[in-house]
PDB file of N, CA and C in Angstrom:
ATOM      1  N   MET A   1     -33.283 -12.882   3.396  1.00  0.00           N
ATOM      2  CA  MET A   1     -32.468 -12.332   4.330  1.00  0.00           C
ATOM      3  C   MET A   1     -31.670 -11.134   3.139  1.00  0.00           C
ATOM      4  N   MET A   2     -31.439  -9.980   3.691  1.00  0.00           N
ATOM      5  CA  MET A   2     -30.852  -9.381   2.920  1.00  0.00           C
ATOM      6  C   MET A   2     -29.631  -8.744   3.922  1.00  0.00           C
ATOM      7  N   PHE A   3     -28.248  -8.637   2.908  1.00  0.00           N
ATOM      8  CA  PHE A   3     -27.227  -8.458   3.471  1.00  0.00           C
ATOM      9  C   PHE A   3     -26.578  -7.023   2.970  1.00  0.00           C
ATOM     10  N   LEU A   4     -25.920  -6.006   3.844  1.00  0.00           N
ATOM     11  CA  LEU A   4     -25.370  -4.583   3.320  1.00  0.00           C
ATOM     12  C   LEU A   4     -24.532  -4.861   3.148  1.00  0.00           C
ATOM     13  N   ILE A   5     -23.550  -4.340   2.065  1.00  0.00           N
ATOM     14  CA  ILE A   5     -22.263  -4.484   1.391  1.00  0.00           C
ATOM     15  C   ILE A   5     -21.917  -2.933   1.236  1.00  0.00           C
ATOM     16  N   THR A   6     -20.888  -2.713   1.927  1.00  0.00           N
ATOM     17  CA  THR A   6     -20.377  -1.503   1.977  1.00  0.00           C
ATOM     18  C   THR A   6     -19.108  -1.514   1.464  1.00  0.00           C
ATOM     19  N   GLN A   7     -18.363  -0.387   1.037  1.00  0.00           N
ATOM     20  CA  GLN A   7     -16.995  -0.065   0.619  1.00  0.00           C
ATOM     21  C   GLN A   7     -16.692   1.589   0.825  1.00  0.00           C
ATOM     22  N   GLY A   8     -15.635   1.818   1.370  1.00  0.00           N
ATOM     23  CA  GLY A   8     -15.526   3.535   1.469  1.00  0.00           C
ATOM     24  C   GLY A   8     -13.854   3.907   1.928  1.00  0.00           C
ATOM     25  N   GLU A   9     -13.875   4.873   2.117  1.00  0.00           N
ATOM     26  CA  GLU A   9     -12.625   5.579   2.434  1.00  0.00           C
ATOM     27  C   GLU A   9     -12.741   6.538   3.535  1.00  0.00           C
ATOM     28  N   ASN A  10     -11.971   6.569   4.761  1.00  0.00           N
ATOM     29  CA  ASN A  10     -12.230   7.271   6.010  1.00  0.00           C
ATOM     30  C   ASN A  10     -10.948   8.030   6.181  1.00  0.00           C
ATOM     31  N   MET A  11     -11.192   9.254   6.600  1.00  0.00           N
ATOM     32  CA  MET A  11      -9.870   9.708   6.924  1.00  0.00           C
ATOM     33  C   MET A  11      -9.884  10.573   8.394  1.00  0.00           C
ATOM     34  N   VAL A  12      -8.886   9.901   9.113  1.00  0.00           N
ATOM     35  CA  VAL A  12      -8.923  10.344  10.582  1.00  0.00           C
ATOM     36  C   VAL A  12      -7.980  11.278  10.899  1.00  0.00           C
ATOM     37  N   VAL A  13      -7.865  12.385  11.694  1.00  0.00           N
ATOM     38  CA  VAL A  13      -6.890  13.117  12.056  1.00  0.00           C
ATOM     39  C   VAL A  13      -6.176  12.625  13.377  1.00  0.00           C
ATOM     40  N   ILE A  14      -4.877  12.559  13.312  1.00  0.00           N
ATOM     41  CA  ILE A  14      -4.393  11.914  14.420  1.00  0.00           C
ATOM     42  C   ILE A  14      -3.270  12.590  15.350  1.00  0.00           C
ATOM     43  N   GLY A  15      -3.200  13.873  14.975  1.00  0.00           N
ATOM     44  CA  GLY A  15      -2.328  14.768  15.857  1.00  0.00           C
ATOM     45  C   GLY A  15      -2.627  16.245  15.666  1.00  0.00           C
ATOM     46  N   ALA A  16      -1.675  17.182  16.268  1.00  0.00           N
ATOM     47  CA  ALA A  16      -1.826  18.361  16.229  1.00  0.00           C
ATOM     48  C   ALA A  16      -1.694  18.912  14.998  1.00  0.00           C
ATOM     49  N   ALA A  17      -1.894  20.122  14.410  1.00  0.00           N
ATOM     50  CA  ALA A  17      -1.354  20.650  13.452  1.00  0.00           C
ATOM     51  C   ALA A  17       0.062  21.289  13.490  1.00  0.00           C
ATOM     52  N   GLU A  18       0.729  21.357  12.375  1.00  0.00           N
ATOM     53  CA  GLU A  18       2.144  21.593  12.095  1.00  0.00           C
ATOM     54  C   GLU A  18       1.946  22.883  11.101  1.00  0.00           C
ATOM     55  N   ALA A  19       2.711  24.184  11.462  1.00  0.00           N
ATOM     56  CA  ALA A  19       2.827  25.202  10.463  1.00  0.00           C
ATOM     57  C   ALA A  19       3.904  24.803   9.373  1.00  0.00           C
ATOM     58  N   ARG A  20       3.460  24.727   8.320  1.00  0.00           N
ATOM     59  CA  ARG A  20       4.406  24.524   7.057  1.00  0.00           C
ATOM     60  C   ARG A  20       4.279  25.205   5.721  1.00  0.00           C
ATOM     61  N   HIS A  21       5.273  25.384   4.915  1.00  0.00           N
ATOM     62  CA  HIS A  21       4.987  26.134   3.612  1.00  0.00           C
ATOM     63  C   HIS A  21       4.365  24.887   2.541  1.00  0.00           C
ATOM     64  N   CYS A  22       3.403  25.306   2.158  1.00  0.00           N
ATOM     65  CA  CYS A  22       2.500  24.329   1.090  1.00  0.00           C
ATOM     66  C   CYS A  22       3.326  24.975  -0.218  1.00  0.00           C
ATOM     67  N   PRO A  23       3.671  23.937  -1.162  1.00  0.00           N
ATOM     68  CA  PRO A  23       4.505  24.598  -2.638  1.00  0.00           C
ATOM     69  C   PRO A  23       3.107  24.568  -3.275  1.00  0.00           C
ATOM     70  N   ARG A  24       2.382  23.951  -3.184  1.00  0.00           N
ATOM     71  CA  ARG A  24       0.855  24.176  -4.135  1.00  0.00           C
ATOM     72  C   ARG A  24       0.337  25.597  -3.757  1.00  0.00           C
ATOM     73  N   CYS A  25      -0.230  25.719  -2.552  1.00  0.00           N
ATOM     74  CA  CYS A  25      -1.091  27.216  -2.178  1.00  0.00           C
ATOM     75  C   CYS A  25       0.293  28.287  -2.370  1.00  0.00           C
ATOM     76  N   ASP A  26       1.650  27.861  -1.914  1.00  0.00           N
ATOM     77  CA  ASP A  26       2.574  28.978  -2.108  1.00  0.00           C
ATOM     78  C   ASP A  26       2.157  29.924  -0.659  1.00  0.00           C
ATOM     79  N   GLU A  27       1.850  29.165   0.382  1.00  0.00           N
ATOM     80  CA  GLU A  27       1.729  30.100   1.520  1.00  0.00           C
ATOM     81  C   GLU A  27       2.049  29.226   2.767  1.00  0.00           C
ATOM     82  N   GLU A  28       1.922  29.630   4.083  1.00  0.00           N
ATOM     83  CA  GLU A  28       2.322  29.168   5.108  1.00  0.00           C
ATOM     84  C   GLU A  28       1.034  28.640   5.608  1.00  0.00           C
ATOM     85  N   ARG A  29       0.691  27.141   5.808  1.00  0.00           N
ATOM     86  CA  ARG A  29      -0.579  26.558   6.196  1.00  0.00           C
ATOM     87  C   ARG A  29      -0.334  25.605   7.600  1.00  0.00           C
ATOM     88  N   ASP A  30      -1.273  25.280   8.053  1.00  0.00           N
ATOM     89  CA  ASP A  30      -1.292  24.356   9.253  1.00  0.00           C
ATOM     90  C   ASP A  30      -1.312  22.900   8.769  1.00  0.00           C
ATOM     91  N   PHE A  31      -0.692  21.971   8.407  1.00  0.00           N
ATOM     92  CA  PHE A  31      -0.575  20.884   7.787  1.00  0.00           C
ATOM     93  C   PHE A  31      -1.202  19.868   9.144  1.00  0.00           C
ATOM     94  N   VAL A  32      -2.057  18.963   8.620  1.00  0.00           N
ATOM     95  CA  VAL A  32      -2.706  18.207   9.584  1.00  0.00           C
ATOM     96  C   VAL A  32      -2.113  16.561   9.410  1.00  0.00           C
ATOM     97  N   PRO A  33      -1.839  16.049  10.608  1.00  0.00           N
ATOM     98  CA  PRO A  33      -1.334  14.577  10.462  1.00  0.00           C
ATOM     99  C   PRO A  33      -2.426  13.745  10.371  1.00  0.00           C
ATOM    100  N   GLN A  34      -2.640  12.763   9.344  1.00  0.00           N
ATOM    101  CA  GLN A  34      -4.117  12.183   9.076  1.00  0.00           C
ATOM    102  C   GLN A  34      -3.759  10.614   8.886  1.00  0.00           C
ATOM    103  N   LEU A  35      -4.705  10.050   8.918  1.00  0.00           N
ATOM    104  CA  LEU A  35      -4.991   8.498   8.771  1.00  0.00           C
ATOM    105  C   LEU A  35      -5.896   8.135   7.619  1.00  0.00           C
ATOM    106  N   GLN A  36      -5.165   7.807   6.275  1.00  0.00           N
ATOM    107  CA  GLN A  36      -6.542   7.654   5.474  1.00  0.00           C
ATOM    108  C   GLN A  36      -6.257   6.270   5.388  1.00  0.00           C
ATOM    109  N   TYR A  37      -7.519   5.448   5.461  1.00  0.00           N
ATOM    110  CA  TYR A  37      -7.659   4.128   5.201  1.00  0.00           C
ATOM    111  C   TYR A  37      -9.081   3.716   4.579  1.00  0.00           C
ATOM    112  N   LYS A  38      -8.996   2.951   3.745  1.00  0.00           N
ATOM    113  CA  LYS A  38      -9.740   2.028   2.728  1.00  0.00           C
ATOM    114  C   LYS A  38     -10.402   0.690   3.548  1.00  0.00           C
ATOM    115  N   TYR A  39     -11.623   0.729   3.763  1.00  0.00           N
ATOM    116  CA  TYR A  39     -12.467  -0.121   4.284  1.00  0.00           C
ATOM    117  C   TYR A  39     -13.626  -1.190   3.052  1.00  0.00           C
ATOM    118  N   ALA A  40     -13.991  -2.294   3.690  1.00  0.00           N
ATOM    119  CA  ALA A  40     -15.019  -2.974   3.068  1.00  0.00           C
ATOM    120  C   ALA A  40     -15.704  -3.501   4.029  1.00  0.00           C
ATOM    121  N   GLY A  41     -17.293  -3.701   4.213  1.00  0.00           N
ATOM    122  CA  GLY A  41     -17.945  -4.241   5.024  1.00  0.00           C
ATOM    123  C   GLY A  41     -19.043  -5.160   4.935  1.00  0.00           C
ATOM    124  N   VAL A  42     -19.739  -5.924   5.509  1.00  0.00           N
ATOM    125  CA  VAL A  42     -20.971  -6.608   5.147  1.00  0.00           C
ATOM    126  C   VAL A  42     -21.931  -6.367   6.889  1.00  0.00           C
ATOM    127  N   ASP A  43     -23.038  -5.758   6.519  1.00  0.00           N
ATOM    128  CA  ASP A  43     -23.900  -5.441   7.742  1.00  0.00           C
ATOM    129  C   ASP A  43     -23.192  -4.391   8.814  1.00  0.00           C
ATOM    130  N   LEU A  44     -22.482  -3.555   8.600  1.00  0.00           N
ATOM    131  CA  LEU A  44     -22.152  -2.474   9.319  1.00  0.00           C
ATOM    132  C   LEU A  44     -21.497  -2.930  10.446  1.00  0.00           C
ATOM    133  N   PHE A  45     -21.431  -4.202  10.859  1.00  0.00           N
ATOM    134  CA  PHE A  45     -20.323  -4.613  11.951  1.00  0.00           C
ATOM    135  C   PHE A  45     -19.287  -5.497  11.491  1.00  0.00           C
ATOM    136  N   PHE A  46     -19.360  -6.236  10.361  1.00  0.00           N
ATOM    137  CA  PHE A  46     -18.329  -6.940   9.832  1.00  0.00           C
ATOM    138  C   PHE A  46     -17.659  -6.215   8.904  1.00  0.00           C
ATOM    139  N   GLY A  47     -16.475  -5.517   9.241  1.00  0.00           N
ATOM    140  CA  GLY A  47     -15.790  -5.088   8.464  1.00  0.00           C
ATOM    141  C   GLY A  47     -14.319  -5.386   8.125  1.00  0.00           C
ATOM    142  N   MET A  48     -13.652  -4.675   7.142  1.00  0.00           N
ATOM    143  CA  MET A  48     -11.917  -4.898   7.123  1.00  0.00           C
ATOM    144  C   MET A  48     -11.121  -3.806   6.661  1.00  0.00           C
ATOM    145  N   THR A  49     -10.185  -3.651   7.032  1.00  0.00           N
ATOM    146  CA  THR A  49      -9.444  -2.409   6.313  1.00  0.00           C
ATOM    147  C   THR A  49      -8.466  -3.223   5.365  1.00  0.00           C
ATOM    148  N   TYR A  50      -8.326  -2.729   4.174  1.00  0.00           N
ATOM    149  CA  TYR A  50      -7.287  -3.092   3.333  1.00  0.00           C
ATOM    150  C   TYR A  50      -6.855  -2.364   2.683  1.00  0.00           C
ATOM    151  N   SER A  51      -6.580  -1.294   3.183  1.00  0.00           N
ATOM    152  CA  SER A  51      -5.346  -0.260   2.944  1.00  0.00           C
ATOM    153  C   SER A  51      -5.275   1.079   3.969  1.00  0.00           C
ATOM    154  N   LYS A  52      -4.140   1.520   4.330  1.00  0.00           N
ATOM    155  CA  LYS A  52      -4.134   2.484   5.269  1.00  0.00           C
ATOM    156  C   LYS A  52      -2.686   3.434   4.728  1.00  0.00           C
ATOM    157  N   ARG A  53      -2.719   4.480   5.124  1.00  0.00           N
ATOM    158  CA  ARG A  53      -1.746   5.654   4.881  1.00  0.00           C
ATOM    159  C   ARG A  53      -1.856   6.577   5.869  1.00  0.00           C
ATOM    160  N   TYR A  54      -0.641   6.916   6.115  1.00  0.00           N
ATOM    161  CA  TYR A  54      -0.519   8.167   7.096  1.00  0.00           C
ATOM    162  C   TYR A  54       0.290   9.314   6.052  1.00  0.00           C
ATOM    163  N   GLN A  55      -0.482  10.160   6.341  1.00  0.00           N
ATOM    164  CA  GLN A  55       0.110  11.591   5.622  1.00  0.00           C
ATOM    165  C   GLN A  55       0.031  13.013   6.205  1.00  0.00           C
ATOM    166  N   LEU A  56       0.697  13.988   6.219  1.00  0.00           N
ATOM    167  CA  LEU A  56       0.650  15.220   6.624  1.00  0.00           C
ATOM    168  C   LEU A  56       0.010  15.770   5.431  1.00  0.00           C
ATOM    169  N   ALA A  57      -1.156  16.502   5.515  1.00  0.00           N
ATOM    170  CA  ALA A  57      -1.657  17.197   4.148  1.00  0.00           C
ATOM    171  C   ALA A  57      -1.930  18.420   4.383  1.00  0.00           C
ATOM    172  N   CYS A  58      -1.914  19.630   3.330  1.00  0.00           N
ATOM    173  CA  CYS A  58      -2.520  20.959   3.856  1.00  0.00           C
ATOM    174  C   CYS A  58      -4.035  20.766   3.707  1.00  0.00           C
ATOM    175  N   PRO A  59      -4.760  21.653   4.458  1.00  0.00           N
ATOM    176  CA  PRO A  59      -5.968  21.670   5.035  1.00  0.00           C
ATOM    177  C   PRO A  59      -6.797  22.431   3.714  1.00  0.00           C
ATOM    178  N   GLU A  60      -5.987  22.951   2.759  1.00  0.00           N
ATOM    179  CA  GLU A  60      -6.819  23.944   1.679  1.00  0.00           C
ATOM    180  C   GLU A  60      -6.582  22.573   0.192  1.00  0.00           C
ATOM    181  N   CYS A  61      -5.597  22.580   0.138  1.00  0.00           N
ATOM    182  CA  CYS A  61      -5.371  22.044  -1.422  1.00  0.00           C
ATOM    183  C   CYS A  61      -5.260  20.286  -1.149  1.00  0.00           C
ATOM    184  N   ASN A  62      -5.044  19.547  -0.115  1.00  0.00           N
ATOM    185  CA  ASN A  62      -4.761  18.298   0.544  1.00  0.00           C
ATOM    186  C   ASN A  62      -3.473  17.984  -0.274  1.00  0.00           C
ATOM    187  N   HIS A  63      -2.563  18.694  -0.418  1.00  0.00           N
ATOM    188  CA  HIS A  63      -1.184  18.426  -1.030  1.00  0.00           C
ATOM    189  C   HIS A  63      -0.330  18.355   0.546  1.00  0.00           C
ATOM    190  N   GLY A  64       0.675  16.939   0.372  1.00  0.00           N
ATOM    191  CA  GLY A  64       1.323  16.803   1.441  1.00  0.00           C
ATOM    192  C   GLY A  64       2.029  15.880   1.165  1.00  0.00           C
ATOM    193  N   TRP A  65       2.648  15.190   2.442  1.00  0.00           N
ATOM    194  CA  TRP A  65       3.682  14.079   2.591  1.00  0.00           C
ATOM    195  C   TRP A  65       3.067  12.582   3.088  1.00  0.00           C
ATOM    196  N   ILE A  66       3.422  11.750   2.097  1.00  0.00           N
ATOM    197  CA  ILE A  66       3.265  10.397   3.059  1.00  0.00           C
ATOM    198  C   ILE A  66       4.315   9.995   4.166  1.00  0.00           C
ATOM    199  N   LEU A  67       3.503  10.031   5.249  1.00  0.00           N
ATOM    200  CA  LEU A  67       4.688   9.568   6.530  1.00  0.00           C
ATOM    201  C   LEU A  67       4.773   8.016   6.864  1.00  0.00           C
ATOM    202  N   ASP A  68       5.624   7.577   7.367  1.00  0.00           N
ATOM    203  CA  ASP A  68       6.193   6.021   7.630  1.00  0.00           C
ATOM    204  C   ASP A  68       5.338   6.037   8.781  1.00  0.00           C
ATOM    205  N   PRO A  69       4.914   4.807   8.476  1.00  0.00           N
ATOM    206  CA  PRO A  69       3.786   3.916   9.509  1.00  0.00           C
ATOM    207  C   PRO A  69       4.476   3.622  10.574  1.00  0.00           C
ATOM    208  N   LYS A  70       5.966   3.193  10.704  1.00  0.00           N
ATOM    209  CA  LYS A  70       6.905   2.579  11.845  1.00  0.00           C
ATOM    210  C   LYS A  70       7.232   3.835  12.443  1.00  0.00           C
ATOM    211  N   ALA A  71       7.547   5.073  11.978  1.00  0.00           N
ATOM    212  CA  ALA A  71       7.655   6.137  12.948  1.00  0.00           C
ATOM    213  C   ALA A  71       6.249   6.747  13.517  1.00  0.00           C
ATOM    214  N   ILE A  72       5.037   6.543  13.053  1.00  0.00           N
ATOM    215  CA  ILE A  72       4.012   7.003  13.526  1.00  0.00           C
ATOM    216  C   ILE A  72       3.198   6.365  14.770  1.00  0.00           C
ATOM    217  N   GLU A  73       3.027   4.996  14.155  1.00  0.00           N
ATOM    218  CA  GLU A  73       2.280   4.210  14.779  1.00  0.00           C
ATOM    219  C   GLU A  73       2.416   3.969  16.495  1.00  0.00           C
ATOM    220  N   PRO A  74       3.970   3.990  16.701  1.00  0.00           N
ATOM    221  CA  PRO A  74       4.417   3.851  18.331  1.00  0.00           C
ATOM    222  C   PRO A  74       3.924   4.756  18.873  1.00  0.00           C
ATOM    223  N   GLY A  75       3.829   6.280  18.481  1.00  0.00           N
ATOM    224  CA  GLY A  75       3.620   7.502  19.157  1.00  0.00           C
ATOM    225  C   GLY A  75       1.945   7.702  19.298  1.00  0.00           C
ATOM    226  N   LEU A  76       0.745   6.649  18.768  1.00  0.00           N
ATOM    227  CA  LEU A  76      -0.443   6.877  18.759  1.00  0.00           C
ATOM    228  C   LEU A  76      -0.776   6.284  20.406  1.00  0.00           C
ATOM    229  N   GLU A  77      -1.580   7.008  20.916  1.00  0.00           N
ATOM    230  CA  GLU A  77      -2.470   6.467  22.126  1.00  0.00           C
ATOM    231  C   GLU A  77      -3.155   5.025  21.690  1.00  0.00           C
ATOM    232  N   ARG A  78      -3.951   5.148  20.752  1.00  0.00           N
ATOM    233  CA  ARG A  78      -4.725   3.879  20.495  1.00  0.00           C
ATOM    234  C   ARG A  78      -4.726   3.940  19.071  1.00  0.00           C
ATOM    235  N   ASN A  79      -5.433   2.700  18.479  1.00  0.00           N
ATOM    236  CA  ASN A  79      -5.347   2.379  16.976  1.00  0.00           C
ATOM    237  C   ASN A  79      -6.705   3.541  16.651  1.00  0.00           C
ATOM    238  N   PRO A  80      -6.501   4.542  15.680  1.00  0.00           N
ATOM    239  CA  PRO A  80      -7.711   5.249  15.154  1.00  0.00           C
ATOM    240  C   PRO A  80      -8.836   4.224  14.335  1.00  0.00           C
ATOM    241  N   ILE A  81      -8.178   3.266  13.871  1.00  0.00           N
ATOM    242  CA  ILE A  81      -9.205   2.477  12.948  1.00  0.00           C
ATOM    243  C   ILE A  81     -10.093   1.910  14.137  1.00  0.00           C
ATOM    244  N   PRO A  82     -11.773   2.332  13.750  1.00  0.00           N
ATOM    245  CA  PRO A  82     -12.583   1.306  14.818  1.00  0.00           C
ATOM    246  C   PRO A  82     -12.673  -0.056  14.832  1.00  0.00           C
ATOM    247  N   PHE A  83     -12.486  -0.557  16.048  1.00  0.00           N
ATOM    248  CA  PHE A  83     -12.550  -2.025  16.189  1.00  0.00           C
ATOM    249  C   PHE A  83     -13.228  -2.917  15.293  1.00  0.00           C
ATOM    250  N   ARG A  84     -14.573  -2.518  14.769  1.00  0.00           N
ATOM    251  CA  ARG A  84     -14.957  -3.747  14.105  1.00  0.00           C
ATOM    252  C   ARG A  84     -14.402  -3.547  12.613  1.00  0.00           C
ATOM    253  N   MET A  85     -13.581  -2.317  12.376  1.00  0.00           N
ATOM    254  CA  MET A  85     -13.153  -2.330  10.583  1.00  0.00           C
ATOM    255  C   MET A  85     -11.558  -3.159  10.962  1.00  0.00           C
ATOM    256  N   ARG A  86     -11.198  -3.417  12.149  1.00  0.00           N
ATOM    257  CA  ARG A  86     -10.031  -3.922  12.401  1.00  0.00           C
ATOM    258  C   ARG A  86     -10.140  -5.408  12.330  1.00  0.00           C
ATOM    259  N   TYR A  87     -11.128  -5.654  13.249  1.00  0.00           N
ATOM    260  CA  TYR A  87     -11.498  -7.155  13.352  1.00  0.00           C
ATOM    261  C   TYR A  87     -12.593  -7.606  12.972  1.00  0.00           C
ATOM    262  N   GLY A  88     -13.179  -7.066  12.088  1.00  0.00           N
ATOM    263  CA  GLY A  88     -14.709  -7.419  11.802  1.00  0.00           C
ATOM    264  C   GLY A  88     -14.570  -8.852  11.191  1.00  0.00           C
ATOM    265  N   LEU A  89     -13.784  -8.921   9.974  1.00  0.00           N
ATOM    266  CA  LEU A  89     -13.563 -10.141   8.918  1.00  0.00           C
ATOM    267  C   LEU A  89     -13.416 -11.449  10.266  1.00  0.00           C
ATOM    268  N   PHE A  90     -12.619 -11.254  11.022  1.00  0.00           N
ATOM    269  CA  PHE A  90     -12.240 -12.403  11.828  1.00  0.00           C
ATOM    270  C   PHE A  90     -13.555 -12.606  12.870  1.00  0.00           C
ATOM    271  N   LEU A  91     -14.237 -11.619  13.222  1.00  0.00           N
ATOM    272  CA  LEU A  91     -15.623 -12.040  14.059  1.00  0.00           C
ATOM    273  C   LEU A  91     -16.509 -12.528  13.235  1.00  0.00           C
ATOM    274  N   LEU A  92     -16.797 -12.343  11.938  1.00  0.00           N
ATOM    275  CA  LEU A  92     -17.678 -12.859  11.068  1.00  0.00           C
ATOM    276  C   LEU A  92     -17.187 -14.062  11.141  1.00  0.00           C
ATOM    277  N   VAL A  93     -15.897 -14.676  10.471  1.00  0.00           N
ATOM    278  CA  VAL A  93     -15.725 -16.221  10.344  1.00  0.00           C
ATOM    279  C   VAL A  93     -15.773 -17.063  11.712  1.00  0.00           C
ATOM    280  N   VAL A  94     -15.526 -16.283  12.819  1.00  0.00           N
ATOM    281  CA  VAL A  94     -15.721 -17.008  14.210  1.00  0.00           C
ATOM    282  C   VAL A  94     -17.178 -16.888  14.652  1.00  0.00           C
ATOM    283  N   SER A  95     -18.025 -16.248  14.097  1.00  0.00           N
ATOM    284  CA  SER A  95     -19.500 -16.382  14.522  1.00  0.00           C
ATOM    285  C   SER A  95     -20.082 -17.092  13.681  1.00  0.00           C
ATOM    286  N   LEU A  96     -19.722 -17.513  12.352  1.00  0.00           N
ATOM    287  CA  LEU A  96     -20.236 -18.348  11.304  1.00  0.00           C
ATOM    288  C   LEU A  96     -19.991 -19.933  11.774  1.00  0.00           C
ATOM    289  N   PHE A  97     -18.656 -20.293  12.313  1.00  0.00           N
ATOM    290  CA  PHE A  97     -18.082 -21.224  12.657  1.00  0.00           C
ATOM    291  C   PHE A  97     -18.799 -21.685  14.215  1.00  0.00           C
ATOM    292  N   GLY A  98     -19.153 -20.541  14.897  1.00  0.00           N
ATOM    293  CA  GLY A  98     -19.778 -20.865  16.143  1.00  0.00           C
ATOM    294  C   GLY A  98     -21.453 -21.206  15.945  1.00  0.00           C
ATOM    295  N   LEU A  99     -22.085 -20.418  14.830  1.00  0.00           N
ATOM    296  CA  LEU A  99     -23.155 -20.630  14.411  1.00  0.00           C
ATOM    297  C   LEU A  99     -23.098 -22.518  13.983  1.00  0.00           C
ATOM    298  N   TYR A 100     -22.166 -22.455  12.900  1.00  0.00           N
ATOM    299  CA  TYR A 100     -22.234 -24.118  12.491  1.00  0.00           C
ATOM    300  C   TYR A 100     -22.063 -25.224  13.504  1.00  0.00           C
ATOM    301  N   PHE A 101     -21.401 -24.869  14.591  1.00  0.00           N
ATOM    302  CA  PHE A 101     -21.156 -25.965  15.608  1.00  0.00           C
ATOM    303  C   PHE A 101     -22.250 -25.809  16.689  1.00  0.00           C
ATOM    304  N   ALA A 102     -23.149 -24.507  16.847  1.00  0.00           N
ATOM    305  CA  ALA A 102     -24.329 -24.674  17.740  1.00  0.00           C
ATOM    306  C   ALA A 102     -25.509 -25.509  17.116  1.00  0.00           C
ATOM    307  N   GLY A 103     -25.367 -25.123  15.691  1.00  0.00           N
ATOM    308  CA  GLY A 103     -26.418 -26.207  15.177  1.00  0.00           C
ATOM    309  C   GLY A 103     -25.971 -27.782  14.804  1.00  0.00           C
ATOM    310  N   GLN A 104     -24.866 -27.911  14.976  1.00  0.00           N
ATOM    311  CA  GLN A 104     -24.634 -29.570  14.809  1.00  0.00           C
ATOM    312  C   GLN A 104     -25.047 -29.794  16.218  1.00  0.00           C
ATOM    313  N   ALA A 105     -24.379 -29.165  17.548  1.00  0.00           N
ATOM    314  CA  ALA A 105     -24.652 -29.762  18.719  1.00  0.00           C
ATOM    315  C   ALA A 105     -26.214 -29.882  19.193  1.00  0.00           C
ATOM    316  N   TYR A 106     -26.802 -28.942  18.431  1.00  0.00           N
ATOM    317  CA  TYR A 106     -28.517 -28.952  18.381  1.00  0.00           C
ATOM    318  C   TYR A 106     -29.165 -29.962  17.748  1.00  0.00           C
ATOM    319  N   GLN A 107     -28.361 -30.180  16.758  1.00  0.00           N
ATOM    320  CA  GLN A 107     -29.049 -31.794  16.147  1.00  0.00           C
ATOM    321  C   GLN A 107     -28.599 -32.789  16.741  1.00  0.00           C
ATOM    322  N   ALA A 108     -27.422 -33.247  17.282  1.00  0.00           N
ATOM    323  CA  ALA A 108     -26.816 -34.081  17.984  1.00  0.00           C
ATOM    324  C   ALA A 108     -27.717 -34.483  19.186  1.00  0.00           C
ATOM    325  N   ALA A 109     -28.136 -33.235  19.932  1.00  0.00           N
ATOM    326  CA  ALA A 109     -28.975 -33.423  21.098  1.00  0.00           C
ATOM    327  C   ALA A 109     -30.291 -33.615  21.065  1.00  0.00           C
ATOM    328  N   GLY A 110     -30.760 -33.601  19.916  1.00  0.00           N
ATOM    329  CA  GLY A 110     -32.482 -33.443  19.866  1.00  0.00           C
ATOM    330  C   GLY A 110     -32.610 -34.318  18.655  1.00  0.00           C
TER     331      GLY A 110
END
């Protein structure tokens, strides 16, 4: 049996761009609000997020500001992190316990 173990980082745009002055580019740019998160996973379904950061970033140089999650999260329609990355580790544990107890029940019955 082979398991695929993954680790990575993903960025999701969470809102409309805002025009601001970029100190690094020294120009007016459309800064994009983003959620950047790091994840780990097993078999592409059981994952977990272990770091997340809301930021307002310049599209050219990625310079920007870190945003307060308490101010951003209530304004979001839904959580932008996929379900399997939010609750995948919990699903893995529940699945393993379910398989264990199903095996025990099968042994007791037969």
